[in-house]
Protein backbone atom coordinates (compact mmCIF):
# COMPACT_ATOMS: atom_id res chain seq x y z
CA UNK A 1 -63.83 46.35 -83.15
CA UNK A 2 -61.19 45.96 -85.85
CA UNK A 3 -57.57 46.96 -85.34
CA UNK A 4 -57.07 46.91 -89.11
CA UNK A 5 -56.41 50.25 -90.81
CA UNK A 6 -56.45 50.36 -94.61
CA UNK A 7 -54.32 52.57 -96.83
CA UNK A 8 -56.52 55.52 -97.82
CA UNK A 9 -57.47 55.23 -101.49
CA UNK A 10 -57.09 57.94 -104.12
CA UNK A 11 -60.27 58.69 -106.04
CA UNK A 12 -60.35 60.79 -109.20
CA UNK A 13 -63.23 63.26 -109.50
CA UNK A 14 -64.50 63.40 -113.07
CA UNK A 15 -65.98 66.87 -112.94
CA UNK A 16 -66.97 69.03 -115.88
CA UNK A 17 -65.90 72.08 -113.86
CA UNK A 18 -62.39 70.63 -113.40
CA UNK A 19 -62.14 69.61 -117.05
CA UNK A 20 -63.12 73.09 -118.18
CA UNK A 21 -60.46 74.55 -115.87
CA UNK A 22 -57.85 72.16 -117.28
CA UNK A 23 -57.21 70.68 -113.85
CA UNK A 24 -57.01 67.08 -112.61
CA UNK A 25 -58.91 66.57 -109.39
CA UNK A 26 -58.37 63.74 -106.88
CA UNK A 27 -59.58 63.01 -103.35
CA UNK A 28 -57.48 61.27 -100.69
CA UNK A 29 -60.13 59.26 -98.84
CA UNK A 30 -58.90 59.34 -95.25
CA UNK A 31 -62.51 58.75 -94.27
CA UNK A 32 -62.20 55.12 -95.42
CA UNK A 33 -59.18 54.15 -93.28
CA UNK A 34 -61.18 52.71 -90.40
CA UNK A 35 -64.86 52.69 -89.40
CA UNK A 36 -64.35 54.84 -86.27
CA UNK A 37 -60.76 56.11 -86.06
CA UNK A 38 -60.26 57.71 -89.43
CA UNK A 39 -59.54 60.97 -91.20
CA UNK A 40 -56.94 63.34 -89.88
CA UNK A 41 -57.99 62.35 -86.34
CA UNK A 42 -56.04 59.09 -86.59
CA UNK A 43 -52.90 60.90 -87.71
CA UNK A 44 -53.21 63.42 -84.87
CA UNK A 45 -53.78 60.70 -82.29
CA UNK A 46 -51.17 58.18 -83.47
CA UNK A 47 -48.04 59.57 -81.81
CA UNK A 48 -49.94 60.74 -78.75
CA UNK A 49 -51.02 57.14 -78.21
CA UNK A 50 -47.46 55.91 -78.73
CA UNK A 51 -46.03 58.41 -76.24
CA UNK A 52 -48.69 57.53 -73.67
CA UNK A 53 -47.87 53.83 -74.08
CA UNK A 54 -44.11 54.42 -73.86
CA UNK A 55 -44.56 56.41 -70.66
CA UNK A 56 -46.81 53.73 -69.15
CA UNK A 57 -49.94 55.87 -68.92
CA UNK A 58 -53.17 53.92 -68.76
CA UNK A 59 -55.62 56.83 -69.04
CA UNK A 60 -56.06 59.43 -71.78
CA UNK A 61 -57.81 62.72 -71.07
CA UNK A 62 -58.86 65.11 -73.80
CA UNK A 63 -61.25 67.93 -74.62
CA UNK A 64 -64.03 68.66 -77.08
CA UNK A 65 -67.51 69.92 -77.78
CA UNK A 66 -70.64 67.79 -77.65
CA UNK A 67 -70.36 66.89 -81.37
CA UNK A 68 -66.56 66.58 -81.48
CA UNK A 69 -64.98 64.25 -84.04
CA UNK A 70 -61.92 64.22 -81.79
CA UNK A 71 -63.88 62.99 -78.76
CA UNK A 72 -65.47 60.29 -80.92
CA UNK A 73 -62.13 59.13 -82.34
CA UNK A 74 -60.28 59.26 -79.01
CA UNK A 75 -62.93 57.16 -77.32
CA UNK A 76 -62.72 54.54 -80.08
CA UNK A 77 -58.91 54.59 -80.19
CA UNK A 78 -58.69 54.22 -76.42
CA UNK A 79 -60.93 51.18 -76.59
CA UNK A 80 -58.93 49.74 -79.48
CA UNK A 81 -55.54 50.16 -77.84
CA UNK A 82 -56.38 49.44 -74.21
CA UNK A 83 -56.56 52.91 -72.65
CA UNK A 84 -59.12 54.25 -70.23
CA UNK A 85 -60.45 57.53 -71.64
CA UNK A 86 -61.88 60.70 -70.11
CA UNK A 87 -63.59 63.31 -72.28
CA UNK A 88 -63.85 66.84 -70.90
CA UNK A 89 -66.88 68.28 -72.67
CA UNK A 90 -67.57 71.98 -73.18
CA UNK A 91 -70.86 73.12 -71.61
CA UNK A 92 -73.54 71.48 -69.52
CA UNK A 93 -74.72 67.89 -69.75
CA UNK A 94 -77.78 67.44 -71.93
CA UNK A 95 -79.83 64.26 -71.81
CA UNK A 96 -80.46 62.16 -73.74
CA UNK A 97 -76.91 62.14 -75.06
CA UNK A 98 -76.46 62.91 -78.75
CA UNK A 99 -75.08 60.27 -81.13
CA UNK A 100 -71.44 61.41 -80.71
CA UNK A 101 -71.41 61.29 -76.92
CA UNK A 102 -73.50 58.10 -76.81
CA UNK A 103 -70.87 56.40 -78.96
CA UNK A 104 -68.07 57.72 -76.73
CA UNK A 105 -69.75 56.27 -73.63
CA UNK A 106 -70.29 52.94 -75.44
CA UNK A 107 -66.54 52.86 -76.08
CA UNK A 108 -65.90 53.26 -72.35
CA UNK A 109 -65.20 56.99 -72.19
CA UNK A 110 -66.03 58.82 -68.96
CA UNK A 111 -67.62 62.18 -69.72
CA UNK A 112 -66.91 65.24 -67.57
CA UNK A 113 -68.54 68.61 -68.21
CA UNK A 114 -66.98 72.04 -67.75
CA UNK A 115 -68.78 75.33 -68.01
CA UNK A 116 -67.60 77.48 -70.88
CA UNK A 117 -65.58 79.84 -68.68
CA UNK A 118 -63.55 76.99 -67.18
CA UNK A 119 -63.30 75.28 -70.56
CA UNK A 120 -61.55 78.32 -72.03
CA UNK A 121 -58.72 77.61 -69.56
CA UNK A 122 -58.18 74.08 -70.94
CA UNK A 123 -54.63 74.83 -72.11
CA UNK A 124 -53.47 76.40 -68.85
CA UNK A 125 -51.25 74.68 -66.27
CA UNK A 126 -53.79 75.54 -63.56
CA UNK A 127 -56.61 73.58 -65.17
CA UNK A 128 -54.30 70.70 -66.07
CA UNK A 129 -53.21 70.49 -62.43
CA UNK A 130 -56.86 70.55 -61.31
CA UNK A 131 -57.65 67.67 -63.66
CA UNK A 132 -54.65 65.64 -62.50
CA UNK A 133 -55.63 66.14 -58.87
CA UNK A 134 -59.13 64.96 -59.72
CA UNK A 135 -58.29 62.04 -61.99
CA UNK A 136 -54.72 61.09 -61.10
CA UNK A 137 -51.91 60.53 -63.58
CA UNK A 138 -53.53 61.05 -66.96
CA UNK A 139 -51.98 61.63 -70.37
CA UNK A 140 -53.50 64.89 -71.58
CA UNK A 141 -54.13 65.32 -75.30
CA UNK A 142 -55.14 68.86 -76.34
CA UNK A 143 -58.46 69.53 -78.03
CA UNK A 144 -58.33 68.20 -81.57
CA UNK A 145 -54.97 66.49 -80.98
CA UNK A 146 -53.34 69.85 -81.63
CA UNK A 147 -49.78 69.41 -80.40
CA UNK A 148 -46.42 68.47 -81.87
CA UNK A 149 -47.33 64.78 -81.80
CA UNK A 150 -50.36 65.72 -83.87
CA UNK A 151 -48.21 67.63 -86.36
CA UNK A 152 -45.83 64.67 -86.59
CA UNK A 153 -48.66 62.34 -87.49
CA UNK A 154 -49.98 64.74 -90.12
CA UNK A 155 -46.59 64.75 -91.88
CA UNK A 156 -47.54 61.20 -92.91
CA UNK A 157 -50.83 62.08 -94.63
CA UNK A 158 -49.21 62.94 -97.96
CA UNK A 159 -47.08 59.93 -98.79
CA UNK A 160 -45.31 58.47 -101.80
CA UNK A 161 -48.61 57.76 -103.54
CA UNK A 162 -49.69 61.41 -103.37
CA UNK A 163 -46.42 63.27 -103.81
CA UNK A 164 -46.94 64.08 -107.49
CA UNK A 165 -49.68 66.67 -106.89
CA UNK A 166 -49.14 70.39 -107.42
CA UNK A 167 -51.67 71.68 -104.89
CA UNK A 168 -52.92 69.92 -101.76
CA UNK A 169 -56.16 71.30 -100.33
CA UNK A 170 -57.46 70.69 -96.82
CA UNK A 171 -60.10 72.09 -94.47
CA UNK A 172 -58.59 73.90 -91.50
CA UNK A 173 -59.75 74.15 -87.88
CA UNK A 174 -56.75 74.17 -85.52
CA UNK A 175 -54.12 74.29 -88.33
CA UNK A 176 -52.35 71.15 -87.08
CA UNK A 177 -53.14 69.18 -90.23
CA UNK A 178 -52.05 72.00 -92.52
CA UNK A 179 -48.75 72.36 -90.63
CA UNK A 180 -48.01 68.65 -90.94
CA UNK A 181 -48.85 68.60 -94.63
CA UNK A 182 -46.72 71.68 -95.35
CA UNK A 183 -43.75 69.94 -93.72
CA UNK A 184 -44.23 66.89 -95.93
CA UNK A 185 -44.29 68.63 -99.33
CA UNK A 186 -41.37 69.46 -101.58
CA UNK A 187 -40.71 73.07 -102.55
CA UNK A 188 -42.55 72.94 -105.88
CA UNK A 189 -45.81 71.99 -104.15
CA UNK A 190 -48.22 74.24 -102.30
CA UNK A 191 -50.67 73.55 -99.47
CA UNK A 192 -53.97 75.43 -99.48
CA UNK A 193 -56.08 75.46 -96.32
CA UNK A 194 -59.72 76.50 -96.05
CA UNK A 195 -60.50 77.70 -92.50
CA UNK A 196 -63.96 76.66 -91.34
CA UNK A 197 -64.01 79.42 -88.73
CA UNK A 198 -65.04 83.01 -89.35
CA UNK A 199 -62.12 85.45 -89.66
CA UNK A 200 -59.77 82.51 -90.10
CA UNK A 201 -56.78 84.67 -91.03
CA UNK A 202 -55.74 84.59 -87.37
CA UNK A 203 -54.60 81.01 -88.00
CA UNK A 204 -51.60 82.37 -89.94
CA UNK A 205 -49.73 83.01 -86.70
CA UNK A 206 -50.86 79.67 -85.25
CA UNK A 207 -49.45 77.85 -88.28
CA UNK A 208 -46.17 79.74 -88.20
CA UNK A 209 -45.77 78.96 -84.48
CA UNK A 210 -46.50 75.27 -85.04
CA UNK A 211 -43.96 75.06 -87.85
CA UNK A 212 -41.24 76.89 -85.90
CA UNK A 213 -41.82 74.83 -82.75
CA UNK A 214 -41.94 71.55 -84.65
CA UNK A 215 -38.71 72.19 -86.55
CA UNK A 216 -37.02 73.20 -83.30
CA UNK A 217 -38.26 70.12 -81.46
CA UNK A 218 -36.01 67.56 -83.13
CA UNK A 219 -38.96 65.40 -84.12
CA UNK A 220 -38.71 63.74 -87.55
CA UNK A 221 -39.52 65.93 -90.54
CA UNK A 222 -39.50 64.90 -94.21
CA UNK A 223 -37.93 68.25 -95.12
CA UNK A 224 -35.88 70.86 -93.27
CA UNK A 225 -38.37 73.62 -94.11
CA UNK A 226 -42.07 73.70 -94.99
CA UNK A 227 -43.41 74.08 -98.50
CA UNK A 228 -45.35 77.22 -99.33
CA UNK A 229 -48.90 77.41 -98.01
CA UNK A 230 -51.82 79.80 -97.93
CA UNK A 231 -55.19 80.28 -96.28
CA UNK A 232 -58.37 80.85 -98.27
CA UNK A 233 -60.76 82.35 -95.74
CA UNK A 234 -63.89 83.00 -97.82
CA UNK A 235 -65.74 79.70 -97.40
CA UNK A 236 -66.61 79.46 -93.70
CA UNK A 237 -70.37 79.90 -94.31
CA UNK A 238 -70.78 82.04 -91.22
CA UNK A 239 -68.39 80.30 -88.86
CA UNK A 240 -67.58 77.01 -87.18
CA UNK A 241 -70.40 74.44 -87.54
CA UNK A 242 -72.49 76.99 -89.45
CA UNK A 243 -74.21 75.80 -92.60
CA UNK A 244 -76.87 77.07 -94.97
CA UNK A 245 -79.11 75.58 -97.63
CA UNK A 246 -76.56 76.30 -100.37
CA UNK A 247 -73.86 74.25 -98.63
CA UNK A 248 -76.26 71.42 -97.81
CA UNK A 249 -77.45 71.24 -101.42
CA UNK A 250 -73.87 71.29 -102.73
CA UNK A 251 -72.88 68.48 -100.37
CA UNK A 252 -75.84 66.32 -101.36
CA UNK A 253 -75.29 66.88 -105.08
CA UNK A 254 -71.53 66.21 -104.84
CA UNK A 255 -72.19 62.94 -103.02
CA UNK A 256 -74.77 61.85 -105.58
CA UNK A 257 -72.57 62.74 -108.55
CA UNK A 258 -69.19 61.47 -107.33
CA UNK A 259 -69.95 58.98 -104.55
CA UNK A 260 -67.96 60.95 -101.96
CA UNK A 261 -69.89 61.79 -98.76
CA UNK A 262 -68.87 65.11 -97.21
CA UNK A 263 -69.14 66.31 -93.63
CA UNK A 264 -70.85 69.66 -93.26
CA UNK A 265 -68.42 71.18 -90.74
CA UNK A 266 -65.14 70.65 -92.62
CA UNK A 267 -64.88 68.91 -95.97
CA UNK A 268 -68.08 70.27 -97.54
CA UNK A 269 -66.80 73.82 -97.10
CA UNK A 270 -63.38 72.98 -98.55
CA UNK A 271 -64.84 71.09 -101.52
CA UNK A 272 -67.29 73.92 -102.19
CA UNK A 273 -64.41 76.40 -102.09
CA UNK A 274 -62.27 74.38 -104.49
CA UNK A 275 -65.09 74.00 -107.01
CA UNK A 276 -65.87 77.70 -106.81
CA UNK A 277 -62.21 78.66 -107.27
CA UNK A 278 -61.94 76.34 -110.26
CA UNK A 279 -64.70 78.32 -111.94
CA UNK A 280 -62.88 81.57 -111.13
CA UNK A 281 -59.64 80.39 -112.76
CA UNK A 282 -57.77 80.40 -109.45
CA UNK A 283 -55.74 77.31 -110.36
CA UNK A 284 -53.36 76.96 -113.29
CA UNK A 285 -54.19 74.81 -116.29
CA UNK A 286 -52.40 71.50 -115.94
CA UNK A 287 -52.46 71.58 -112.14
CA UNK A 288 -53.03 68.31 -110.34
CA UNK A 289 -55.10 68.98 -107.21
CA UNK A 290 -55.37 66.68 -104.21
CA UNK A 291 -58.30 67.27 -101.86
CA UNK A 292 -57.76 65.66 -98.46
CA UNK A 293 -60.96 64.17 -97.05
CA UNK A 294 -60.43 64.50 -93.31
CA UNK A 295 -63.33 62.29 -92.25
CA UNK A 296 -65.77 63.59 -89.63
CA UNK A 297 -68.82 62.05 -91.26
CA UNK A 298 -70.17 60.94 -87.88
CA UNK A 299 -70.88 64.59 -87.12
CA UNK A 300 -73.49 64.80 -89.87
CA UNK A 301 -75.98 62.91 -87.71
CA UNK A 302 -75.82 65.52 -84.95
CA UNK A 303 -75.81 68.40 -87.43
CA UNK A 304 -78.93 67.07 -89.16
CA UNK A 305 -80.67 66.64 -85.78
CA UNK A 306 -79.86 70.24 -84.90
CA UNK A 307 -81.09 71.52 -88.26
CA UNK A 308 -84.35 69.61 -87.86
CA UNK A 309 -84.92 71.13 -84.42
CA UNK A 310 -84.30 74.64 -85.78
CA UNK A 311 -86.65 74.08 -88.74
CA UNK A 312 -89.47 73.18 -86.31
CA UNK A 313 -89.13 76.39 -84.30
């Protein structure tokens, strides 16, 4: 498995919709950084791995669902950088393992299952103590890499090569990536996040808390205050990991036309939202838009398997 990470390329999208709106459209292809540890997952893991190494931990423990991109990436990163890994999976074990969990096991990850009631306590000291008693001294990474180390890594997504954009668009699950991006932009820029969860406006408080806590932590920040940001909550398609035929068709057509594969859970919803807003005149003529491709393509295999099972019922 390669330790080599490439600089994510910028790809211009030559879209008639964007041309008609008078907008330049680019994609930051984080999905191409590495075969297994890519997208925003690498940025959220990077400083967690460094802290674990500095503190002489040998085992990483983290949380996720059965199709989790974070579980997949953590298992691969642990194998790459010499950590033992434990994945605490929401729900009951189901055999045979799906593609995501099979890959995690192949990378050496030990899978542990928690019922949904216990899993909801994953961020509590009581459950962390239970896990440490069971597994010993482990370095615990929150679900999705959603901590200040994760925010720190995400401040590095928008770099010198991408600083000239007016609007930076990203799909939003835990808000960690959006917080890091907002901290890395200058005041004339604006970050726009597309929550993939239903009723995603609740993330406003999560983002504000992350930004306040990060700036108070003393960790490095490109700027002393975040750039402006907003949530666009109308493109969740029914909620987390929910899709319909319209989204699937859009994703397939976008890939065919522009050569950019999209994952159904995150980037397809954000790309759909951007293209729809372009047609509504949401953006200003002359804007340069950067769409951040956050990876997660491995999840499409599991999603397609689930959709096939549903279609047979």
